């Protein structure tokens, strides 16, 4: 999602797609796009139409989260190329783009530690940053654990700290949760969401439950 002007916008469609919307006056009070059925993302925030269905609102949040997370990888890869190809000019490009040099250098450091084939799409950039200083084998071990158990970034950090203190890692087989009843339509929607996130259905459900518990308990 790249916006060149404060008044340009992208529509987050109900189906998860995005499309460019003509520029809108910054002072406009229009709540949404032409039909009022989507979330409008501008450079200065979201424009959410009144009466938006929960599913549309939820999908918009998922898309925003994916874009925000992928931007760290993209900026890291971008600066790595610039440092290699334009050694005498890349800092000027960073400044022209309005980016903080130290922040983008941090992104590049993490990106260098993981080639594309080792980046887990089901985990966030911050998960990778937590283990970036480790040897590749250790990185893979902890990222695999985080994906398997649906750990948040903070949980990954706590488990790494516990392991360093000699405490046991989580059991290989987690405790089984009660059976959840769901309609075929609801189950299909969950399966599609899990597939798009690169996870199994079980991993996706565990990650969503963990995120909800973290927010509810104020553990962020």
N, C-alpha and C. Protein backbone atom coordinates (compact mmCIF):
# COMPACT_ATOMS: atom_id res chain seq x y z
N UNK A 1 0.85 -1.18 0.00
CA UNK A 1 0.00 0.00 0.00
C UNK A 1 0.90 1.24 0.00
N UNK A 2 1.09 1.89 -1.16
CA UNK A 2 1.96 3.05 -1.27
C UNK A 2 1.14 4.27 -1.64
N UNK A 3 1.18 5.29 -0.79
CA UNK A 3 0.42 6.51 -1.02
C UNK A 3 1.39 7.66 -1.24
N UNK A 4 1.25 8.35 -2.35
CA UNK A 4 2.19 9.42 -2.68
C UNK A 4 1.77 10.78 -2.15
N UNK A 5 0.48 10.95 -1.87
CA UNK A 5 -0.02 12.22 -1.40
C UNK A 5 -0.95 11.99 -0.23
N UNK A 6 -1.12 13.01 0.61
CA UNK A 6 -1.99 12.86 1.76
C UNK A 6 -3.42 12.60 1.35
N UNK A 7 -3.80 13.04 0.16
CA UNK A 7 -5.19 12.90 -0.26
C UNK A 7 -5.44 11.66 -1.09
N UNK A 8 -4.40 10.87 -1.42
CA UNK A 8 -4.61 9.64 -2.16
C UNK A 8 -5.06 8.56 -1.20
N UNK A 9 -5.69 7.52 -1.72
CA UNK A 9 -6.25 6.50 -0.83
C UNK A 9 -6.33 5.17 -1.53
N UNK A 10 -6.43 4.13 -0.74
CA UNK A 10 -6.64 2.77 -1.22
C UNK A 10 -7.87 2.23 -0.54
N UNK A 11 -8.74 1.58 -1.30
CA UNK A 11 -9.94 0.99 -0.74
C UNK A 11 -9.65 -0.46 -0.39
N UNK A 12 -9.91 -0.85 0.85
CA UNK A 12 -9.78 -2.23 1.27
C UNK A 12 -11.12 -2.89 1.03
N UNK A 13 -11.22 -3.64 -0.06
CA UNK A 13 -12.49 -4.21 -0.48
C UNK A 13 -13.00 -5.25 0.51
N UNK A 14 -14.31 -5.48 0.56
CA UNK A 14 -14.84 -6.52 1.43
C UNK A 14 -14.21 -7.88 1.19
N UNK A 15 -13.78 -8.16 -0.04
CA UNK A 15 -13.18 -9.45 -0.33
C UNK A 15 -11.70 -9.52 -0.04
N UNK A 16 -11.13 -8.45 0.54
CA UNK A 16 -9.71 -8.45 0.86
C UNK A 16 -8.85 -7.84 -0.22
N UNK A 17 -9.44 -7.48 -1.37
CA UNK A 17 -8.67 -6.87 -2.44
C UNK A 17 -8.53 -5.38 -2.17
N UNK A 18 -7.66 -4.74 -2.92
CA UNK A 18 -7.50 -3.30 -2.77
C UNK A 18 -7.58 -2.66 -4.14
N UNK A 19 -8.07 -1.44 -4.18
CA UNK A 19 -8.10 -0.70 -5.44
C UNK A 19 -7.87 0.78 -5.15
N UNK A 20 -7.26 1.44 -6.11
CA UNK A 20 -6.97 2.86 -5.95
C UNK A 20 -8.24 3.68 -6.02
N UNK A 21 -8.40 4.63 -5.15
CA UNK A 21 -9.55 5.53 -5.12
C UNK A 21 -9.08 6.92 -5.53
N UNK A 22 -9.86 7.66 -6.31
CA UNK A 22 -9.46 9.01 -6.69
C UNK A 22 -9.17 9.85 -5.46
N UNK A 23 -8.26 10.85 -5.57
CA UNK A 23 -7.94 11.70 -4.43
C UNK A 23 -9.19 12.32 -3.81
N UNK A 24 -9.16 12.43 -2.48
CA UNK A 24 -10.27 13.01 -1.72
C UNK A 24 -9.76 14.24 -0.99
N UNK A 25 -10.54 15.24 -0.96
CA UNK A 25 -10.17 16.44 -0.24
C UNK A 25 -9.95 16.10 1.23
N UNK A 26 -8.83 16.58 1.82
CA UNK A 26 -8.47 16.21 3.18
C UNK A 26 -9.55 16.59 4.19
N UNK A 27 -10.37 17.58 3.87
CA UNK A 27 -11.40 18.01 4.80
C UNK A 27 -12.74 17.34 4.58
N UNK A 28 -12.79 16.46 3.60
CA UNK A 28 -14.06 15.81 3.29
C UNK A 28 -14.52 14.93 4.44
N UNK A 29 -15.85 14.84 4.62
CA UNK A 29 -16.40 14.01 5.68
C UNK A 29 -17.02 12.73 5.13
N UNK A 30 -16.80 12.46 3.85
CA UNK A 30 -17.37 11.25 3.28
C UNK A 30 -16.83 10.04 4.02
N UNK A 31 -17.71 9.15 4.46
CA UNK A 31 -17.32 8.05 5.33
C UNK A 31 -16.64 6.90 4.61
N UNK A 32 -16.92 6.70 3.34
CA UNK A 32 -16.35 5.54 2.67
C UNK A 32 -16.34 5.73 1.18
N UNK A 33 -15.97 4.68 0.43
CA UNK A 33 -15.93 4.76 -1.02
C UNK A 33 -17.32 4.83 -1.60
N UNK A 34 -17.41 4.79 -2.91
CA UNK A 34 -18.64 5.06 -3.64
C UNK A 34 -19.86 4.36 -3.06
N UNK A 35 -19.74 3.05 -2.75
CA UNK A 35 -20.88 2.34 -2.22
C UNK A 35 -20.95 2.35 -0.71
N UNK A 36 -19.93 2.89 -0.04
CA UNK A 36 -19.92 2.90 1.40
C UNK A 36 -19.72 1.51 2.00
N UNK A 37 -19.19 0.55 1.18
CA UNK A 37 -19.10 -0.83 1.66
C UNK A 37 -17.67 -1.26 1.95
N UNK A 38 -16.72 -0.34 1.96
CA UNK A 38 -15.33 -0.69 2.20
C UNK A 38 -14.66 0.30 3.12
N UNK A 39 -13.44 -0.05 3.58
CA UNK A 39 -12.65 0.82 4.44
C UNK A 39 -11.65 1.56 3.57
N UNK A 40 -11.60 2.86 3.69
CA UNK A 40 -10.71 3.69 2.88
C UNK A 40 -9.46 4.01 3.69
N UNK A 41 -8.30 3.60 3.18
CA UNK A 41 -7.03 3.86 3.85
C UNK A 41 -6.35 5.04 3.19
N UNK A 42 -6.13 6.11 3.93
CA UNK A 42 -5.42 7.28 3.43
C UNK A 42 -4.10 7.39 4.17
N UNK A 43 -3.30 8.32 3.77
CA UNK A 43 -1.99 8.48 4.40
C UNK A 43 -2.12 8.97 5.84
N UNK A 44 -3.23 9.57 6.18
CA UNK A 44 -3.39 10.10 7.54
C UNK A 44 -4.39 9.30 8.36
N UNK A 45 -4.78 8.11 7.90
CA UNK A 45 -5.66 7.28 8.70
C UNK A 45 -6.72 6.58 7.88
N UNK A 46 -7.65 5.93 8.59
CA UNK A 46 -8.72 5.18 7.95
C UNK A 46 -10.01 5.97 7.88
N UNK A 47 -10.78 5.74 6.84
CA UNK A 47 -12.14 6.27 6.73
C UNK A 47 -13.06 5.06 6.69
N UNK A 48 -13.81 4.88 7.76
CA UNK A 48 -14.64 3.70 7.92
C UNK A 48 -16.11 4.09 7.84
N UNK A 49 -16.85 3.52 6.90
CA UNK A 49 -18.26 3.88 6.76
C UNK A 49 -19.09 3.40 7.95
N UNK A 50 -20.14 4.13 8.26
CA UNK A 50 -21.03 3.75 9.35
C UNK A 50 -21.73 2.44 9.00
N UNK A 51 -21.97 1.62 10.00
CA UNK A 51 -22.68 0.37 9.78
C UNK A 51 -21.88 -0.70 9.08
N UNK A 52 -20.56 -0.62 9.14
CA UNK A 52 -19.71 -1.60 8.47
C UNK A 52 -19.89 -2.97 9.11
N UNK A 53 -20.04 -4.01 8.29
CA UNK A 53 -20.18 -5.36 8.82
C UNK A 53 -18.90 -5.81 9.51
N UNK A 54 -19.07 -6.62 10.55
CA UNK A 54 -17.91 -7.06 11.34
C UNK A 54 -16.88 -7.78 10.46
N UNK A 55 -17.34 -8.67 9.58
CA UNK A 55 -16.42 -9.44 8.77
C UNK A 55 -15.56 -8.55 7.88
N UNK A 56 -16.17 -7.47 7.34
CA UNK A 56 -15.42 -6.55 6.49
C UNK A 56 -14.40 -5.79 7.32
N UNK A 57 -14.82 -5.34 8.50
CA UNK A 57 -13.91 -4.63 9.41
C UNK A 57 -12.75 -5.53 9.81
N UNK A 58 -13.03 -6.81 10.10
CA UNK A 58 -12.00 -7.76 10.51
C UNK A 58 -11.00 -7.99 9.39
N UNK A 59 -11.50 -8.19 8.16
CA UNK A 59 -10.61 -8.43 7.03
C UNK A 59 -9.73 -7.21 6.74
N UNK A 60 -10.29 -6.02 6.93
CA UNK A 60 -9.48 -4.81 6.72
C UNK A 60 -8.32 -4.78 7.70
N UNK A 61 -8.58 -5.14 8.96
CA UNK A 61 -7.51 -5.17 9.95
C UNK A 61 -6.43 -6.17 9.61
N UNK A 62 -6.84 -7.33 9.10
CA UNK A 62 -5.87 -8.35 8.71
C UNK A 62 -4.99 -7.85 7.57
N UNK A 63 -5.63 -7.17 6.61
CA UNK A 63 -4.86 -6.67 5.47
C UNK A 63 -3.89 -5.57 5.89
N UNK A 64 -4.34 -4.68 6.76
CA UNK A 64 -3.47 -3.61 7.25
C UNK A 64 -2.28 -4.21 7.99
N UNK A 65 -2.54 -5.23 8.82
CA UNK A 65 -1.46 -5.86 9.57
C UNK A 65 -0.44 -6.50 8.63
N UNK A 66 -0.92 -7.15 7.56
CA UNK A 66 0.00 -7.77 6.59
C UNK A 66 0.85 -6.71 5.90
N UNK A 67 0.22 -5.61 5.52
CA UNK A 67 0.97 -4.55 4.83
C UNK A 67 2.01 -3.94 5.76
N UNK A 68 1.62 -3.67 7.01
CA UNK A 68 2.54 -3.07 7.97
C UNK A 68 3.73 -3.99 8.23
N UNK A 69 3.46 -5.30 8.35
CA UNK A 69 4.54 -6.24 8.63
C UNK A 69 5.45 -6.42 7.42
N UNK A 70 4.87 -6.53 6.22
CA UNK A 70 5.69 -6.74 5.03
C UNK A 70 6.52 -5.51 4.71
N UNK A 71 6.07 -4.32 5.13
CA UNK A 71 6.82 -3.11 4.82
C UNK A 71 8.20 -3.13 5.45
N UNK A 72 8.34 -3.74 6.63
CA UNK A 72 9.65 -3.81 7.27
C UNK A 72 10.61 -4.66 6.43
N UNK A 73 10.12 -5.81 5.96
CA UNK A 73 10.94 -6.65 5.08
C UNK A 73 11.29 -5.90 3.80
N UNK A 74 10.29 -5.24 3.21
CA UNK A 74 10.51 -4.56 1.93
C UNK A 74 11.51 -3.42 2.07
N UNK A 75 11.40 -2.64 3.14
CA UNK A 75 12.35 -1.55 3.35
C UNK A 75 13.75 -2.09 3.61
N UNK A 76 13.83 -3.20 4.35
CA UNK A 76 15.13 -3.81 4.59
C UNK A 76 15.78 -4.26 3.30
N UNK A 77 15.01 -4.96 2.45
CA UNK A 77 15.55 -5.41 1.16
C UNK A 77 15.91 -4.22 0.27
N UNK A 78 15.09 -3.18 0.34
CA UNK A 78 15.33 -1.99 -0.48
C UNK A 78 16.67 -1.34 -0.13
N UNK A 79 16.93 -1.16 1.16
CA UNK A 79 18.17 -0.49 1.55
C UNK A 79 19.39 -1.37 1.30
N UNK A 80 19.23 -2.69 1.43
CA UNK A 80 20.34 -3.60 1.12
C UNK A 80 20.76 -3.45 -0.34
N UNK A 81 19.77 -3.40 -1.23
CA UNK A 81 20.08 -3.22 -2.66
C UNK A 81 20.74 -1.88 -2.88
N UNK A 82 20.21 -0.83 -2.25
CA UNK A 82 20.77 0.50 -2.44
C UNK A 82 22.20 0.61 -1.96
N UNK A 83 22.50 -0.01 -0.82
CA UNK A 83 23.86 0.02 -0.29
C UNK A 83 24.83 -0.69 -1.23
N UNK A 84 24.34 -1.73 -1.87
CA UNK A 84 25.19 -2.51 -2.77
C UNK A 84 25.35 -1.85 -4.14
N UNK A 85 24.25 -1.31 -4.66
CA UNK A 85 24.23 -0.82 -6.04
C UNK A 85 24.57 0.67 -6.14
N UNK A 86 24.15 1.45 -5.14
CA UNK A 86 24.33 2.90 -5.20
C UNK A 86 25.07 3.39 -3.96
N UNK A 87 26.27 2.94 -3.78
CA UNK A 87 27.01 3.18 -2.55
C UNK A 87 27.19 4.65 -2.22
N UNK A 88 27.22 5.50 -3.23
CA UNK A 88 27.47 6.92 -2.98
C UNK A 88 26.19 7.76 -3.00
N UNK A 89 25.02 7.11 -3.24
CA UNK A 89 23.79 7.88 -3.38
C UNK A 89 22.62 7.38 -2.55
N UNK A 90 22.73 6.19 -1.95
CA UNK A 90 21.55 5.60 -1.32
C UNK A 90 21.05 6.40 -0.12
N UNK A 91 21.97 7.05 0.61
CA UNK A 91 21.52 7.85 1.76
C UNK A 91 20.65 9.01 1.31
N UNK A 92 20.95 9.56 0.15
CA UNK A 92 20.13 10.65 -0.38
C UNK A 92 18.72 10.16 -0.67
N UNK A 93 18.60 8.93 -1.18
CA UNK A 93 17.29 8.36 -1.45
C UNK A 93 16.51 8.13 -0.17
N UNK A 94 17.19 7.69 0.88
CA UNK A 94 16.55 7.49 2.19
C UNK A 94 16.00 8.81 2.71
N UNK A 95 16.79 9.83 2.60
CA UNK A 95 16.36 11.15 3.07
C UNK A 95 15.20 11.67 2.23
N UNK A 96 15.28 11.50 0.91
CA UNK A 96 14.22 11.98 0.02
C UNK A 96 12.90 11.27 0.29
N UNK A 97 12.97 10.00 0.72
CA UNK A 97 11.76 9.24 1.02
C UNK A 97 11.19 9.57 2.39
N UNK A 98 11.91 10.41 3.17
CA UNK A 98 11.43 10.79 4.49
C UNK A 98 11.54 9.68 5.51
N UNK A 99 12.51 8.78 5.33
CA UNK A 99 12.69 7.64 6.23
C UNK A 99 13.78 7.90 7.25
N UNK A 100 13.64 7.30 8.42
CA UNK A 100 14.66 7.40 9.46
C UNK A 100 15.77 6.41 9.14
N UNK A 101 16.99 6.89 8.99
CA UNK A 101 18.08 6.04 8.53
C UNK A 101 18.37 4.91 9.50
N UNK A 102 18.40 5.19 10.80
CA UNK A 102 18.73 4.15 11.77
C UNK A 102 17.68 3.05 11.80
N UNK A 103 16.40 3.46 11.71
CA UNK A 103 15.33 2.48 11.71
C UNK A 103 15.44 1.55 10.50
N UNK A 104 15.67 2.15 9.35
CA UNK A 104 15.75 1.34 8.13
C UNK A 104 17.00 0.47 8.12
N UNK A 105 18.06 0.93 8.77
CA UNK A 105 19.26 0.11 8.91
C UNK A 105 18.98 -1.11 9.77
N UNK A 106 18.15 -0.94 10.80
CA UNK A 106 17.76 -2.07 11.64
C UNK A 106 16.97 -3.10 10.83
N UNK A 107 16.07 -2.60 9.98
CA UNK A 107 15.31 -3.50 9.11
C UNK A 107 16.27 -4.28 8.21
N UNK A 108 17.25 -3.58 7.67
CA UNK A 108 18.20 -4.22 6.76
C UNK A 108 19.01 -5.29 7.48
N UNK A 109 19.38 -5.03 8.72
CA UNK A 109 20.17 -6.01 9.48
C UNK A 109 19.39 -7.31 9.64
N UNK A 110 18.12 -7.21 9.98
CA UNK A 110 17.29 -8.41 10.13
C UNK A 110 17.12 -9.09 8.77
N UNK A 111 16.85 -8.31 7.73
CA UNK A 111 16.63 -8.88 6.40
C UNK A 111 17.87 -9.64 5.92
N UNK A 112 19.06 -9.15 6.24
CA UNK A 112 20.29 -9.83 5.83
C UNK A 112 20.43 -11.19 6.52
N UNK A 113 19.86 -11.31 7.71
CA UNK A 113 20.00 -12.54 8.48
C UNK A 113 19.08 -13.66 7.98
N UNK A 114 18.13 -13.30 7.12
CA UNK A 114 17.19 -14.30 6.62
C UNK A 114 16.99 -14.11 5.11
N UNK A 115 17.47 -15.08 4.33
CA UNK A 115 17.14 -14.99 2.91
C UNK A 115 15.65 -15.31 2.75
N UNK A 116 15.12 -15.05 1.59
CA UNK A 116 13.67 -15.16 1.39
C UNK A 116 13.14 -16.56 1.69
N UNK A 117 13.92 -17.58 1.41
CA UNK A 117 13.47 -18.93 1.63
C UNK A 117 13.33 -19.30 3.10
N UNK A 118 13.92 -18.52 4.00
CA UNK A 118 13.88 -18.83 5.43
C UNK A 118 12.94 -17.91 6.20
N UNK A 119 12.29 -17.02 5.51
CA UNK A 119 11.34 -16.12 6.18
C UNK A 119 9.98 -16.80 6.30
N UNK A 120 9.43 -16.83 7.50
CA UNK A 120 8.14 -17.48 7.74
C UNK A 120 7.01 -16.49 7.54
N UNK A 121 6.20 -16.71 6.53
CA UNK A 121 5.10 -15.77 6.27
C UNK A 121 4.04 -15.80 7.36
N UNK A 122 3.98 -16.90 8.12
CA UNK A 122 3.00 -17.01 9.19
C UNK A 122 3.43 -16.27 10.45
N UNK A 123 4.69 -15.81 10.49
CA UNK A 123 5.21 -15.08 11.64
C UNK A 123 5.55 -13.65 11.24
N UNK A 124 5.57 -12.78 12.21
CA UNK A 124 5.82 -11.37 11.94
C UNK A 124 7.31 -11.07 11.77
N UNK A 125 7.58 -9.90 11.24
CA UNK A 125 8.97 -9.43 11.13
C UNK A 125 9.60 -9.39 12.51
N UNK A 126 8.82 -8.98 13.53
CA UNK A 126 9.35 -8.88 14.89
C UNK A 126 9.72 -10.25 15.46
N UNK A 127 9.00 -11.30 15.08
CA UNK A 127 9.42 -12.64 15.48
C UNK A 127 10.83 -12.92 14.97
N UNK A 128 11.06 -12.60 13.72
CA UNK A 128 12.38 -12.84 13.13
C UNK A 128 13.44 -11.97 13.80
N UNK A 129 13.08 -10.73 14.13
CA UNK A 129 14.04 -9.83 14.77
C UNK A 129 14.49 -10.38 16.12
N UNK A 130 13.59 -11.08 16.82
CA UNK A 130 13.92 -11.63 18.13
C UNK A 130 15.06 -12.64 18.06
N UNK A 131 15.16 -13.35 16.95
CA UNK A 131 16.16 -14.43 16.85
C UNK A 131 17.25 -14.11 15.83
N UNK A 132 17.25 -12.91 15.30
CA UNK A 132 18.17 -12.56 14.21
C UNK A 132 19.64 -12.70 14.60
N UNK A 133 19.97 -12.48 15.87
CA UNK A 133 21.37 -12.53 16.30
C UNK A 133 21.88 -13.96 16.48
N UNK A 134 20.99 -14.94 16.42
CA UNK A 134 21.37 -16.34 16.63
C UNK A 134 21.97 -16.96 15.37
N UNK A 135 22.55 -18.14 15.56
CA UNK A 135 23.01 -18.92 14.41
C UNK A 135 21.79 -19.44 13.65
N UNK A 136 21.92 -19.68 12.35
CA UNK A 136 20.77 -20.11 11.55
C UNK A 136 20.00 -21.30 12.12
N UNK A 137 20.70 -22.31 12.63
CA UNK A 137 20.01 -23.48 13.17
C UNK A 137 19.13 -23.10 14.36
N UNK A 138 19.64 -22.23 15.22
CA UNK A 138 18.86 -21.77 16.36
C UNK A 138 17.68 -20.91 15.91
N UNK A 139 17.93 -20.07 14.93
CA UNK A 139 16.84 -19.27 14.38
C UNK A 139 15.70 -20.16 13.91
N UNK A 140 16.04 -21.17 13.14
CA UNK A 140 15.02 -22.07 12.59
C UNK A 140 14.28 -22.80 13.72
N UNK A 141 15.02 -23.22 14.72
CA UNK A 141 14.39 -23.94 15.84
C UNK A 141 13.34 -23.07 16.52
N UNK A 142 13.71 -21.85 16.86
CA UNK A 142 12.78 -21.00 17.61
C UNK A 142 11.63 -20.50 16.75
N UNK A 143 11.89 -20.24 15.49
CA UNK A 143 10.79 -19.83 14.61
C UNK A 143 9.82 -20.98 14.38
N UNK A 144 10.35 -22.19 14.26
CA UNK A 144 9.48 -23.35 14.11
C UNK A 144 8.61 -23.55 15.36
N UNK A 145 9.21 -23.34 16.53
CA UNK A 145 8.46 -23.46 17.78
C UNK A 145 7.36 -22.39 17.85
N UNK A 146 7.72 -21.17 17.49
CA UNK A 146 6.76 -20.07 17.54
C UNK A 146 5.58 -20.34 16.62
N UNK A 147 5.85 -20.86 15.44
CA UNK A 147 4.77 -21.17 14.50
C UNK A 147 3.93 -22.33 15.00
N UNK A 148 4.59 -23.35 15.53
CA UNK A 148 3.88 -24.55 15.99
C UNK A 148 2.92 -24.24 17.14
N UNK A 149 3.38 -23.45 18.10
CA UNK A 149 2.58 -23.17 19.28
C UNK A 149 1.79 -21.86 19.19
N UNK A 150 1.93 -21.13 18.07
CA UNK A 150 1.20 -19.89 17.91
C UNK A 150 1.65 -18.80 18.86
N UNK A 151 2.96 -18.75 19.16
CA UNK A 151 3.47 -17.76 20.10
C UNK A 151 3.43 -16.36 19.51
N UNK A 152 3.11 -15.39 20.34
CA UNK A 152 3.30 -13.98 19.97
C UNK A 152 4.78 -13.65 20.05
N UNK A 153 5.15 -12.46 19.62
CA UNK A 153 6.56 -12.05 19.72
C UNK A 153 7.02 -12.06 21.17
N UNK A 154 6.17 -11.56 22.07
CA UNK A 154 6.54 -11.52 23.49
C UNK A 154 6.68 -12.91 24.08
N UNK A 155 5.82 -13.84 23.67
CA UNK A 155 5.92 -15.21 24.17
C UNK A 155 7.19 -15.88 23.66
N UNK A 156 7.56 -15.61 22.41
CA UNK A 156 8.81 -16.13 21.88
C UNK A 156 9.97 -15.62 22.71
N UNK A 157 9.96 -14.33 23.03
CA UNK A 157 11.04 -13.75 23.83
C UNK A 157 11.11 -14.40 25.21
N UNK A 158 9.94 -14.59 25.84
CA UNK A 158 9.93 -15.19 27.18
C UNK A 158 10.44 -16.63 27.16
N UNK A 159 10.07 -17.40 26.13
CA UNK A 159 10.53 -18.78 26.05
C UNK A 159 12.01 -18.88 25.77
N UNK A 160 12.54 -17.98 24.97
CA UNK A 160 13.99 -17.95 24.74
C UNK A 160 14.71 -17.63 26.03
N UNK A 161 14.20 -16.64 26.77
CA UNK A 161 14.80 -16.27 28.04
C UNK A 161 14.76 -17.43 29.03
N UNK A 162 13.63 -18.13 29.06
CA UNK A 162 13.49 -19.27 29.98
C UNK A 162 14.48 -20.37 29.63
N UNK A 163 14.67 -20.62 28.33
CA UNK A 163 15.60 -21.65 27.90
C UNK A 163 17.03 -21.30 28.30
N UNK A 164 17.37 -20.03 28.21
CA UNK A 164 18.72 -19.60 28.59
C UNK A 164 18.94 -19.73 30.09
N UNK A 165 17.86 -19.68 30.85
CA UNK A 165 17.96 -19.82 32.30
C UNK A 165 17.85 -21.26 32.75
N UNK A 166 17.82 -22.18 31.78
CA UNK A 166 17.81 -23.60 32.10
C UNK A 166 16.44 -24.18 32.35
N UNK A 167 15.37 -23.41 32.08
CA UNK A 167 14.02 -23.91 32.28
C UNK A 167 13.60 -24.71 31.06
N UNK A 168 12.71 -25.66 31.28
CA UNK A 168 12.28 -26.53 30.19
C UNK A 168 11.45 -25.78 29.18
N UNK A 169 11.58 -26.17 27.91
CA UNK A 169 10.73 -25.61 26.86
C UNK A 169 9.35 -26.24 26.96
N UNK A 170 8.36 -25.69 26.28
CA UNK A 170 7.00 -26.26 26.33
C UNK A 170 6.99 -27.71 25.87
N UNK A 171 6.05 -28.45 26.39
CA UNK A 171 5.92 -29.86 26.00
C UNK A 171 5.72 -29.97 24.50
N UNK A 172 6.20 -31.06 23.92
CA UNK A 172 6.10 -31.23 22.48
C UNK A 172 4.66 -31.31 22.01
N UNK A 173 3.77 -31.86 22.86
CA UNK A 173 2.37 -31.98 22.50
C UNK A 173 1.54 -31.09 23.43
N UNK A 174 1.01 -29.97 22.94
CA UNK A 174 0.24 -29.07 23.80
C UNK A 174 -1.07 -29.71 24.24
N UNK A 175 -1.61 -29.19 25.32
CA UNK A 175 -2.88 -29.70 25.85
C UNK A 175 -3.99 -29.48 24.83
N UNK A 176 -4.86 -30.46 24.70
CA UNK A 176 -5.96 -30.39 23.74
C UNK A 176 -7.07 -29.51 24.26
N UNK A 177 -7.58 -28.63 23.40
CA UNK A 177 -8.67 -27.74 23.77
C UNK A 177 -10.01 -28.44 23.58
N UNK A 178 -11.06 -27.93 24.22
CA UNK A 178 -12.40 -28.50 24.00
C UNK A 178 -12.79 -28.39 22.53
N UNK A 179 -13.62 -29.32 22.07
CA UNK A 179 -14.06 -29.31 20.68
C UNK A 179 -14.95 -28.09 20.41
N UNK A 180 -14.71 -27.41 19.30
CA UNK A 180 -15.46 -26.21 18.94
C UNK A 180 -16.46 -26.56 17.85
N UNK A 181 -17.73 -26.23 18.07
CA UNK A 181 -18.75 -26.46 17.06
C UNK A 181 -18.84 -25.25 16.14
N UNK A 182 -18.88 -25.48 14.84
CA UNK A 182 -18.95 -24.38 13.87
C UNK A 182 -19.74 -24.82 12.66
N UNK A 183 -20.47 -23.88 12.06
CA UNK A 183 -21.23 -24.17 10.85
C UNK A 183 -20.26 -24.40 9.69
N UNK A 184 -20.69 -25.12 8.64
CA UNK A 184 -19.81 -25.34 7.48
C UNK A 184 -19.31 -24.03 6.88
N UNK A 185 -20.18 -23.00 6.82
CA UNK A 185 -19.77 -21.71 6.25
C UNK A 185 -18.68 -21.06 7.10
N UNK A 186 -18.86 -21.12 8.40
CA UNK A 186 -17.88 -20.52 9.30
C UNK A 186 -16.55 -21.26 9.22
N UNK A 187 -16.60 -22.59 9.18
CA UNK A 187 -15.39 -23.39 9.09
C UNK A 187 -14.65 -23.13 7.79
N UNK A 188 -15.40 -22.99 6.70
CA UNK A 188 -14.78 -22.70 5.41
C UNK A 188 -14.09 -21.35 5.43
N UNK A 189 -14.72 -20.35 6.09
CA UNK A 189 -14.11 -19.03 6.20
C UNK A 189 -12.81 -19.09 6.99
N UNK A 190 -12.80 -19.89 8.06
CA UNK A 190 -11.59 -20.05 8.86
C UNK A 190 -10.49 -20.73 8.05
N UNK A 191 -10.88 -21.76 7.30
CA UNK A 191 -9.87 -22.47 6.50
C UNK A 191 -9.25 -21.54 5.45
N UNK A 192 -10.06 -20.70 4.83
CA UNK A 192 -9.56 -19.77 3.83
C UNK A 192 -8.61 -18.76 4.45
N UNK A 193 -8.97 -18.25 5.62
CA UNK A 193 -8.10 -17.29 6.31
C UNK A 193 -6.77 -17.94 6.69
N UNK A 194 -6.83 -19.19 7.16
CA UNK A 194 -5.60 -19.90 7.53
C UNK A 194 -4.71 -20.12 6.31
N UNK A 195 -5.33 -20.49 5.20
CA UNK A 195 -4.58 -20.73 3.96
C UNK A 195 -3.89 -19.45 3.50
N UNK A 196 -4.60 -18.34 3.57
CA UNK A 196 -4.01 -17.07 3.10
C UNK A 196 -2.88 -16.60 4.01
N UNK A 197 -2.89 -17.01 5.27
CA UNK A 197 -1.83 -16.61 6.20
C UNK A 197 -0.66 -17.58 6.17
N UNK A 198 -0.78 -18.65 5.37
CA UNK A 198 0.30 -19.63 5.27
C UNK A 198 0.37 -20.59 6.44
N UNK A 199 -0.74 -20.76 7.17
CA UNK A 199 -0.77 -21.63 8.34
C UNK A 199 -1.78 -22.75 8.15
N UNK A 200 -1.65 -23.79 8.99
CA UNK A 200 -2.70 -24.79 9.04
C UNK A 200 -3.87 -24.19 9.81
N UNK A 201 -5.03 -24.83 9.71
CA UNK A 201 -6.20 -24.33 10.44
C UNK A 201 -5.94 -24.31 11.94
N UNK A 202 -5.30 -25.38 12.46
CA UNK A 202 -5.02 -25.45 13.89
C UNK A 202 -4.08 -24.32 14.33
N UNK A 203 -3.04 -24.07 13.52
CA UNK A 203 -2.09 -23.00 13.85
C UNK A 203 -2.77 -21.64 13.82
N UNK A 204 -3.64 -21.45 12.81
CA UNK A 204 -4.32 -20.17 12.66
C UNK A 204 -5.26 -19.92 13.84
N UNK A 205 -6.03 -20.93 14.24
CA UNK A 205 -6.95 -20.78 15.38
C UNK A 205 -6.17 -20.48 16.65
N UNK A 206 -5.07 -21.21 16.87
CA UNK A 206 -4.27 -21.00 18.08
C UNK A 206 -3.70 -19.59 18.13
N UNK A 207 -3.23 -19.10 16.97
CA UNK A 207 -2.66 -17.75 16.92
C UNK A 207 -3.72 -16.69 17.20
N UNK A 208 -4.93 -16.88 16.64
CA UNK A 208 -6.01 -15.92 16.87
C UNK A 208 -6.45 -15.91 18.33
N UNK A 209 -6.56 -17.08 18.94
CA UNK A 209 -6.94 -17.16 20.35
C UNK A 209 -5.88 -16.52 21.24
N UNK A 210 -4.61 -16.76 20.90
CA UNK A 210 -3.53 -16.19 21.69
C UNK A 210 -3.51 -14.67 21.58
N UNK A 211 -3.74 -14.15 20.38
CA UNK A 211 -3.77 -12.70 20.18
C UNK A 211 -4.91 -12.07 20.97
N UNK A 212 -6.08 -12.73 20.95
CA UNK A 212 -7.22 -12.21 21.69
C UNK A 212 -6.96 -12.22 23.20
N UNK A 213 -6.34 -13.30 23.70
CA UNK A 213 -6.04 -13.39 25.13
C UNK A 213 -5.01 -12.34 25.54
N UNK A 214 -4.00 -12.13 24.68
CA UNK A 214 -2.97 -11.14 24.98
C UNK A 214 -3.58 -9.74 25.10
N UNK A 215 -4.49 -9.41 24.16
CA UNK A 215 -5.15 -8.11 24.19
C UNK A 215 -6.05 -7.98 25.41
N UNK A 216 -6.83 -9.01 25.70
CA UNK A 216 -7.75 -8.97 26.82
C UNK A 216 -7.02 -8.82 28.16
N UNK A 217 -5.88 -9.48 28.30
CA UNK A 217 -5.12 -9.45 29.55
C UNK A 217 -4.12 -8.29 29.61
N UNK A 218 -4.05 -7.50 28.54
CA UNK A 218 -3.15 -6.35 28.54
C UNK A 218 -1.68 -6.74 28.58
N UNK A 219 -1.33 -7.81 27.86
CA UNK A 219 0.05 -8.32 27.89
C UNK A 219 0.90 -7.80 26.75
N UNK A 220 0.36 -6.89 25.93
CA UNK A 220 1.14 -6.38 24.80
C UNK A 220 2.35 -5.59 25.29
